[in-house]
Amino acid sequence: MAKVVGKWVKRRGPRVVPDASGPEEIQAPPRATPREVVILAVLGLIIIVAFTAAFVRVKVDRGIRLWMLNHGPDQLVVVNPDTGELEKELLVADGLQQVVFNHAKDTAFVANVVDVSNRVTLIDTRTYLRSEQIIVDGVPQGLAVFPDDKHLAVITGSKTDFMAGGFDILDLSRQSAADPRRKRAVYRERNLALTAFIAVDEYGENVFCLDAKASHVFIFSVDEQKLVRTIDIGAAPMGLLYPEHGDYFFVSSIKDKAITVLRKARDPQDVEIVGKVNYGRFRHMALSRDGRTLFAPVYEQREIAVIDVEALKVVKAFKLDEGCSLIATSPVGNDIYAVGYDSGKVYVLDAGTGELLRTITTHGEFRDIKVILEADKPPLKTASAG
């Protein structure tokens, strides 16, 4: 019987059974419903807003302007603290010392310490144009505008040594009969040694003065035209802050490293010392809008002391990179403005936490800072047609 070797056998592969539903088709992804589209759009918008808030700070101009006197080139510098923009630089006169606004907010008065012509320069706050210059009897070293905006108190210093021994109260609406180039003086006081600061109360009835050679606060009656009260604070004064708002006014002293807090009163005999805050060599001061918190730089310690007025104590201290010479508070919001002594930069800080919000680069040796709101300025009068 013969054997068959190497017989080729055809083998079949696995049988493919077709799907009973018919030939296989490619399935498209499911479409999003209108509700899902809305949800995705909202989520995208939230992510964009969050990213913008985290990385982009929108500059909102609230109409706040800082008026600062630069002693170096003797110019007025106006800064927008919200945007950091330098809005105006205006040459005024020699030796700028102090700037104050009238209550109508349409005029700024600038004292010029070493101006040989001894003038107070008036500037229109809306146009930044010099509207008038007032000749005074002595070098003007301090100013205070009365509530009626019709009178101005001016500390007058000697033309030779600049030591001021008193002040004048001028009628801004009337000229002097003896010299029409001057304003009429309604009261002159010459019984001080070195008048340093001056203020007028809310009623226009009393003038408050400091004398750098005496440890007193002097109160003069405008009606009686004489000294009616002397309050001893125990040390030579350095600064006076008599705010229009709040129940207190403040006197700083370098010698005893303190701020004396005094209670306001219409009757000078009722003015009283309520206490002292001992902490550092205070110079400049600024009060919060609610009158409860006082901000006072301590240059040597490179910080701003935050003082609770009612408690009479320092509750916080905000550290700075450099010593601070001047300070002001915002009329809106919760900002404070500190001017660096070395660089002249303006540091915008959160008044509650001390967080540095922005730094505005300016240069100069600044002597004074005041804050004004554009919204408080009256509109310019336009000439009537015809």
Protein backbone atom coordinates (compact mmCIF):
# COMPACT_ATOMS: atom_id res chain seq x y z
CA MET A 1 0.00 0.00 0.00
CA ALA A 2 1.50 3.22 -1.07
CA LYS A 3 1.81 6.26 1.28
CA VAL A 4 0.96 9.76 0.18
CA VAL A 5 3.54 12.23 1.53
CA GLY A 6 3.37 16.06 1.44
CA LYS A 7 -0.15 16.38 0.36
CA TRP A 8 -1.23 20.00 0.05
CA VAL A 9 -4.42 20.83 1.91
CA LYS A 10 -6.26 24.07 1.44
CA ARG A 11 -7.25 25.65 4.81
CA ARG A 12 -9.90 28.25 5.28
CA GLY A 13 -9.49 31.29 7.64
CA PRO A 14 -11.96 32.19 10.36
CA ARG A 15 -15.34 32.95 9.02
CA VAL A 16 -16.50 36.56 9.29
CA VAL A 17 -20.13 36.83 10.11
CA PRO A 18 -21.67 40.09 8.91
CA ASP A 19 -23.64 42.24 11.39
CA ALA A 20 -27.27 41.67 11.04
CA SER A 21 -27.91 45.43 11.08
CA GLY A 22 -26.16 45.97 7.80
CA PRO A 23 -22.76 47.34 6.72
CA GLU A 24 -20.65 49.13 9.42
CA GLU A 25 -20.84 53.04 9.41
CA ILE A 26 -18.53 55.76 10.97
CA GLN A 27 -20.38 57.46 13.84
CA ALA A 28 -20.11 61.36 14.14
CA PRO A 29 -19.53 62.83 17.66
CA PRO A 30 -22.72 63.95 19.40
CA ARG A 31 -23.61 67.66 18.99
CA ALA A 32 -23.68 69.98 22.04
CA THR A 33 -27.07 71.19 23.06
CA PRO A 34 -27.80 74.95 23.23
CA ARG A 35 -27.71 74.72 27.02
CA GLU A 36 -24.23 73.21 26.97
CA VAL A 37 -23.02 75.96 24.59
CA VAL A 38 -24.27 78.63 26.99
CA ILE A 39 -22.55 76.96 29.93
CA LEU A 40 -19.25 76.72 28.05
CA ALA A 41 -19.47 80.39 27.00
CA VAL A 42 -20.14 81.51 30.58
CA LEU A 43 -17.23 79.44 31.89
CA GLY A 44 -14.94 80.96 29.25
CA LEU A 45 -16.03 84.47 30.17
CA ILE A 46 -15.42 83.79 33.87
CA ILE A 47 -11.91 82.54 33.10
CA ILE A 48 -11.13 85.66 31.03
CA VAL A 49 -12.43 88.00 33.75
CA ALA A 50 -10.48 86.15 36.43
CA PHE A 51 -7.31 86.33 34.37
CA THR A 52 -7.80 90.06 33.79
CA ALA A 53 -8.43 90.74 37.47
CA ALA A 54 -5.37 88.75 38.47
CA PHE A 55 -2.87 90.15 36.02
CA VAL A 56 -4.22 93.45 34.73
CA ARG A 57 -5.07 96.41 36.97
CA VAL A 58 -7.46 98.74 35.25
CA LYS A 59 -6.55 102.36 35.92
CA VAL A 60 -9.65 104.24 36.99
CA ASP A 61 -9.39 108.00 37.30
CA ARG A 62 -11.49 109.04 40.31
CA GLY A 63 -10.67 112.70 39.84
CA ILE A 64 -8.17 112.92 42.71
CA ARG A 65 -5.25 115.29 42.25
CA LEU A 66 -2.18 115.79 44.43
CA TRP A 67 -0.80 119.32 44.56
CA MET A 68 2.83 119.26 45.68
CA LEU A 69 5.34 122.06 46.07
CA ASN A 70 8.79 121.20 44.75
CA HIS A 71 11.36 123.37 46.49
CA GLY A 72 14.19 122.41 44.11
CA PRO A 73 13.05 124.08 40.86
CA ASP A 74 10.37 126.09 42.74
CA GLN A 75 7.43 124.60 40.91
CA LEU A 76 3.96 123.32 41.57
CA VAL A 77 3.55 119.67 40.58
CA VAL A 78 0.08 118.19 40.05
CA VAL A 79 -0.14 114.37 40.01
CA ASN A 80 -2.99 111.94 39.32
CA PRO A 81 -2.46 109.24 41.98
CA ASP A 82 -4.79 106.75 40.30
CA THR A 83 -2.99 106.67 36.96
CA GLY A 84 0.43 107.89 38.10
CA GLU A 85 0.41 110.61 35.45
CA LEU A 86 2.11 113.95 35.96
CA GLU A 87 -0.66 116.33 34.96
CA LYS A 88 0.99 119.72 35.42
CA GLU A 89 4.28 121.41 36.27
CA LEU A 90 4.04 125.12 36.92
CA LEU A 91 6.80 127.53 37.89
CA VAL A 92 5.42 129.80 40.60
CA ALA A 93 8.08 131.79 42.50
CA ASP A 94 11.13 131.36 44.71
CA GLY A 95 11.09 129.26 47.88
CA LEU A 96 7.68 127.62 47.82
CA GLN A 97 6.56 126.83 51.34
CA GLN A 98 2.86 126.02 51.60
CA VAL A 99 -0.23 125.60 49.45
CA VAL A 100 -3.83 125.84 50.68
CA PHE A 101 -7.21 125.83 48.91
CA ASN A 102 -10.15 128.07 49.60
CA HIS A 103 -13.42 126.39 50.54
CA ALA A 104 -14.91 126.95 47.09
CA LYS A 105 -11.99 124.91 45.70
CA ASP A 106 -11.47 127.28 42.81
CA THR A 107 -8.35 129.02 44.14
CA ALA A 108 -5.03 127.83 45.53
CA PHE A 109 -2.87 130.14 47.64
CA VAL A 110 0.89 129.55 47.54
CA ALA A 111 3.32 131.07 50.05
CA ASN A 112 6.77 131.98 48.73
CA VAL A 113 9.41 132.03 51.46
CA VAL A 114 12.31 133.87 49.82
CA ASP A 115 10.51 135.82 47.15
CA VAL A 116 12.12 139.28 47.34
CA SER A 117 8.79 140.88 46.49
CA ASN A 118 7.03 139.08 49.39
CA ARG A 119 3.92 137.87 47.63
CA VAL A 120 1.25 135.22 47.95
CA THR A 121 0.42 133.72 44.56
CA LEU A 122 -3.17 132.83 43.70
CA ILE A 123 -3.73 130.04 41.15
CA ASP A 124 -7.01 129.06 39.52
CA THR A 125 -7.39 125.34 40.29
CA ARG A 126 -9.33 124.72 37.06
CA THR A 127 -7.02 126.38 34.56
CA TYR A 128 -3.73 126.36 36.54
CA LEU A 129 -3.32 130.02 35.61
CA ARG A 130 -2.04 132.59 38.07
CA SER A 131 -4.98 134.84 38.78
CA GLU A 132 -3.41 137.31 41.23
CA GLN A 133 -0.44 138.05 43.46
CA ILE A 134 -0.91 139.61 46.89
CA ILE A 135 1.85 141.77 48.32
CA VAL A 136 2.34 141.15 52.06
CA ASP A 137 4.34 142.89 54.79
CA GLY A 138 7.01 140.26 55.28
CA VAL A 139 8.03 136.89 53.90
CA PRO A 140 4.88 134.67 53.84
CA GLN A 141 5.58 131.45 55.72
CA GLY A 142 2.15 130.05 56.46
CA LEU A 143 -1.41 130.47 55.22
CA ALA A 144 -4.97 129.82 56.39
CA VAL A 145 -8.16 130.69 54.49
CA PHE A 146 -11.23 131.72 56.47
CA PRO A 147 -14.51 129.80 55.98
CA ASP A 148 -16.08 132.75 54.16
CA ASP A 149 -13.23 132.70 51.58
CA LYS A 150 -13.03 136.48 52.02
CA HIS A 151 -10.14 136.62 54.46
CA LEU A 152 -6.64 135.15 54.53
CA ALA A 153 -4.32 134.71 57.52
CA VAL A 154 -0.64 135.03 56.61
CA ILE A 155 2.41 134.43 58.79
CA THR A 156 4.86 137.20 57.95
CA GLY A 157 8.61 136.82 58.45
CA SER A 158 11.51 139.23 58.55
CA LYS A 159 13.13 140.06 55.21
CA THR A 160 16.60 139.59 56.71
CA ASP A 161 16.52 136.48 58.92
CA PHE A 162 13.03 135.18 57.93
CA MET A 163 12.07 134.86 61.60
CA ALA A 164 8.31 135.43 61.82
CA GLY A 165 6.99 137.31 64.81
CA GLY A 166 3.31 137.34 64.00
CA PHE A 167 0.61 137.25 61.33
CA ASP A 168 -1.75 139.42 59.29
CA ILE A 169 -5.40 138.86 58.47
CA LEU A 170 -6.17 140.29 55.05
CA ASP A 171 -9.50 141.21 53.50
CA LEU A 172 -9.35 139.61 50.06
CA SER A 173 -12.16 141.73 48.67
CA ARG A 174 -10.79 145.17 49.61
CA GLN A 175 -7.65 147.04 48.76
CA SER A 176 -5.55 149.00 51.21
CA ALA A 177 -6.34 152.71 51.29
CA ALA A 178 -2.65 153.53 51.83
CA ASP A 179 -1.40 151.28 49.01
CA PRO A 180 -3.89 150.04 46.38
CA ARG A 181 -1.44 147.28 45.41
CA ARG A 182 -2.04 145.61 48.77
CA LYS A 183 -5.04 144.03 50.46
CA ARG A 184 -6.54 145.72 53.48
CA ALA A 185 -5.27 144.27 56.78
CA VAL A 186 -8.09 143.88 59.31
CA TYR A 187 -5.90 142.49 62.10
CA ARG A 188 -2.16 142.36 62.73
CA GLU A 189 -0.41 140.41 65.48
CA ARG A 190 3.26 140.99 66.27
CA ASN A 191 3.76 139.49 69.73
CA LEU A 192 5.27 136.13 68.80
CA ALA A 193 8.90 135.07 68.45
CA LEU A 194 8.99 132.50 65.65
CA THR A 195 5.55 131.76 64.26
CA ALA A 196 5.57 128.36 62.59
CA PHE A 197 2.01 127.26 61.76
CA ILE A 198 -1.38 128.94 61.58
CA ALA A 199 -4.99 127.73 61.33
CA VAL A 200 -8.50 129.15 61.53
CA ASP A 201 -11.42 127.39 63.22
CA GLU A 202 -14.60 126.31 61.44
CA TYR A 203 -16.43 129.50 62.46
CA GLY A 204 -13.77 131.98 61.41
CA GLU A 205 -13.70 133.31 64.99
CA ASN A 206 -10.35 132.11 66.30
CA VAL A 207 -6.81 131.79 64.95
CA PHE A 208 -4.50 129.04 66.22
CA CYS A 209 -0.73 129.57 66.09
CA LEU A 210 2.42 127.72 67.03
CA ASP A 211 5.68 129.38 67.97
CA ALA A 212 8.80 127.30 67.46
CA LYS A 213 10.44 129.01 70.44
CA ALA A 214 7.62 128.29 72.89
CA SER A 215 5.91 125.11 74.02
CA HIS A 216 2.47 126.59 73.56
CA VAL A 217 -0.57 126.67 71.34
CA PHE A 218 -1.71 130.28 71.03
CA ILE A 219 -5.37 131.12 70.38
CA PHE A 220 -6.28 134.61 69.14
CA SER A 221 -9.79 136.02 68.91
CA VAL A 222 -10.49 137.66 65.55
CA ASP A 223 -13.29 139.85 66.95
CA GLU A 224 -11.33 140.96 70.01
CA GLN A 225 -8.04 141.05 68.07
CA LYS A 226 -5.99 139.73 70.95
CA LEU A 227 -4.56 136.58 72.53
CA VAL A 228 -7.30 134.88 74.53
CA ARG A 229 -5.81 131.48 75.43
CA THR A 230 -2.39 129.83 75.80
CA ILE A 231 -2.11 126.04 76.11
CA ASP A 232 1.19 124.50 77.18
CA ILE A 233 1.98 121.20 75.41
CA GLY A 234 5.25 120.68 77.29
CA ALA A 235 7.72 120.87 74.39
CA ALA A 236 8.57 123.02 71.38
CA PRO A 237 6.04 122.25 68.61
CA MET A 238 6.91 121.03 65.14
CA GLY A 239 3.61 120.67 63.28
CA LEU A 240 -0.04 121.69 63.54
CA LEU A 241 -2.97 119.87 61.94
CA TYR A 242 -6.34 121.56 62.40
CA PRO A 243 -8.67 119.57 60.12
CA GLU A 244 -12.03 120.89 58.99
CA HIS A 245 -13.67 117.62 60.07
CA GLY A 246 -13.49 115.67 63.32
CA ASP A 247 -13.54 116.66 66.99
CA TYR A 248 -9.79 117.06 67.54
CA PHE A 249 -6.74 118.89 66.31
CA PHE A 250 -3.13 117.83 66.67
CA VAL A 251 0.28 119.29 67.51
CA SER A 252 3.47 117.31 66.92
CA SER A 253 6.77 117.77 68.73
CA ILE A 254 10.18 116.34 67.86
CA LYS A 255 11.74 116.99 71.24
CA ASP A 256 9.42 114.76 73.28
CA LYS A 257 8.61 112.42 70.34
CA ALA A 258 4.90 112.92 70.77
CA ILE A 259 1.66 114.18 69.27
CA THR A 260 -0.61 116.17 71.55
CA VAL A 261 -4.32 115.65 70.86
CA LEU A 262 -6.60 118.59 71.70
CA ARG A 263 -10.38 118.72 71.68
CA LYS A 264 -11.93 121.44 69.53
CA ALA A 265 -14.31 124.00 71.02
CA ARG A 266 -15.92 127.16 69.76
CA ASP A 267 -15.05 128.92 73.01
CA PRO A 268 -11.23 129.00 73.34
CA GLN A 269 -11.54 128.48 77.09
CA ASP A 270 -13.11 125.07 76.46
CA VAL A 271 -10.28 123.79 74.25
CA GLU A 272 -8.48 121.05 76.19
CA ILE A 273 -5.69 118.52 75.91
CA VAL A 274 -7.16 115.01 75.88
CA GLY A 275 -3.84 113.17 75.79
CA LYS A 276 -0.53 112.46 74.08
CA VAL A 277 0.79 109.76 71.80
CA ASN A 278 4.46 109.03 72.48
CA TYR A 279 6.19 107.07 69.76
CA GLY A 280 8.66 108.86 67.50
CA ARG A 281 9.89 112.13 66.01
CA PHE A 282 6.67 113.20 64.33
CA ARG A 283 6.54 116.04 61.83
CA HIS A 284 3.72 115.86 59.28
CA MET A 285 0.24 114.42 59.92
CA ALA A 286 -2.95 113.51 58.04
CA LEU A 287 -6.38 112.51 59.32
CA SER A 288 -8.75 109.92 57.89
CA ARG A 289 -12.11 111.04 56.54
CA ASP A 290 -14.00 109.67 59.55
CA GLY A 291 -11.69 111.51 61.95
CA ARG A 292 -10.77 108.34 63.84
CA THR A 293 -7.32 107.54 62.48
CA LEU A 294 -4.25 109.75 62.31
CA PHE A 295 -1.34 108.91 59.99
CA ALA A 296 2.03 110.33 61.01
CA PRO A 297 5.36 109.51 59.34
CA VAL A 298 8.44 108.87 61.45
CA TYR A 299 11.30 109.65 59.09
CA GLU A 300 14.10 108.07 61.14
CA GLN A 301 12.26 104.75 61.43
CA ARG A 302 11.14 104.71 57.78
CA GLU A 303 7.56 104.04 58.71
CA ILE A 304 4.12 105.57 59.06
CA ALA A 305 2.53 105.36 62.48
CA VAL A 306 -1.20 104.61 62.43
CA ILE A 307 -2.79 106.20 65.48
CA ASP A 308 -6.21 105.47 66.96
CA VAL A 309 -7.36 108.95 67.95
CA GLU A 310 -9.84 107.80 70.62
CA ALA A 311 -7.50 105.21 72.15
CA LEU A 312 -4.49 107.58 71.92
CA LYS A 313 -2.09 104.88 70.80
CA VAL A 314 -0.23 103.59 67.77
CA VAL A 315 -2.07 100.51 66.53
CA LYS A 316 -0.02 99.80 63.38
CA ALA A 317 3.16 100.87 61.63
CA PHE A 318 3.56 100.73 57.85
CA LYS A 319 7.17 100.22 56.76
CA LEU A 320 8.61 102.08 53.77
CA ASP A 321 11.76 101.67 51.70
CA GLU A 322 12.81 105.20 52.56
CA GLY A 323 11.98 107.94 55.01
CA CYS A 324 8.69 109.73 54.48
CA SER A 325 8.46 113.51 54.81
CA LEU A 326 4.85 114.30 53.82
CA ILE A 327 1.56 112.44 53.93
CA ALA A 328 -2.04 112.95 52.79
CA THR A 329 -5.25 110.93 52.77
CA SER A 330 -7.61 110.32 49.87
CA PRO A 331 -10.99 112.10 49.88
CA VAL A 332 -12.53 108.97 48.35
CA GLY A 333 -11.57 105.34 48.73
CA ASN A 334 -9.08 104.09 51.28
CA ASP A 335 -5.71 105.34 50.07
CA ILE A 336 -2.95 107.31 51.73
CA TYR A 337 -0.18 109.15 49.89
CA ALA A 338 3.32 109.19 51.35
CA VAL A 339 6.09 111.30 49.80
CA GLY A 340 9.59 109.84 50.06
CA TYR A 341 12.17 112.18 51.53
CA ASP A 342 15.14 110.88 49.53
CA SER A 343 13.67 110.12 46.11
CA GLY A 344 10.59 112.31 46.07
CA LYS A 345 8.50 109.32 44.96
CA VAL A 346 4.84 109.13 45.95
CA TYR A 347 3.86 105.83 47.57
CA VAL A 348 0.15 104.99 47.30
CA LEU A 349 -0.77 102.71 50.20
CA ASP A 350 -3.89 100.97 51.40
CA ALA A 351 -4.84 102.81 54.60
CA GLY A 352 -6.12 99.65 56.25
CA THR A 353 -3.30 97.22 55.55
CA GLY A 354 -0.36 99.34 54.45
CA GLU A 355 -0.13 97.40 51.18
CA LEU A 356 1.80 99.27 48.51
CA LEU A 357 -0.67 99.78 45.66
CA ARG A 358 1.59 101.73 43.30
CA THR A 359 4.66 103.92 43.23
CA ILE A 360 4.59 107.20 41.32
CA THR A 361 7.99 108.36 40.16
CA THR A 362 8.52 112.05 40.76
CA HIS A 363 11.68 113.94 41.59
CA GLY A 364 12.27 116.89 43.87
CA GLU A 365 12.43 118.21 47.38
CA PHE A 366 8.79 118.57 48.27
CA ARG A 367 7.65 120.96 51.00
CA ASP A 368 3.89 120.47 51.03
CA ILE A 369 1.15 118.22 49.68
CA LYS A 370 -2.58 118.85 49.41
CA VAL A 371 -5.37 116.76 47.88
CA ILE A 372 -8.30 118.05 45.83
CA LEU A 373 -11.18 116.42 43.96
CA GLU A 374 -11.92 117.58 40.45
CA ALA A 375 -15.62 117.15 41.22
CA ASP A 376 -15.38 119.71 44.03
CA LYS A 377 -14.19 122.46 41.73
CA PRO A 378 -16.92 124.83 40.50
CA PRO A 379 -17.34 125.08 36.73
CA LEU A 380 -15.72 127.92 34.88
CA LYS A 381 -18.03 130.79 34.13
CA THR A 382 -18.54 131.28 30.42
CA ALA A 383 -19.22 134.63 28.87
CA SER A 384 -22.88 135.09 27.94
CA ALA A 385 -23.65 135.19 24.24
CA GLY A 386 -24.16 138.63 22.72
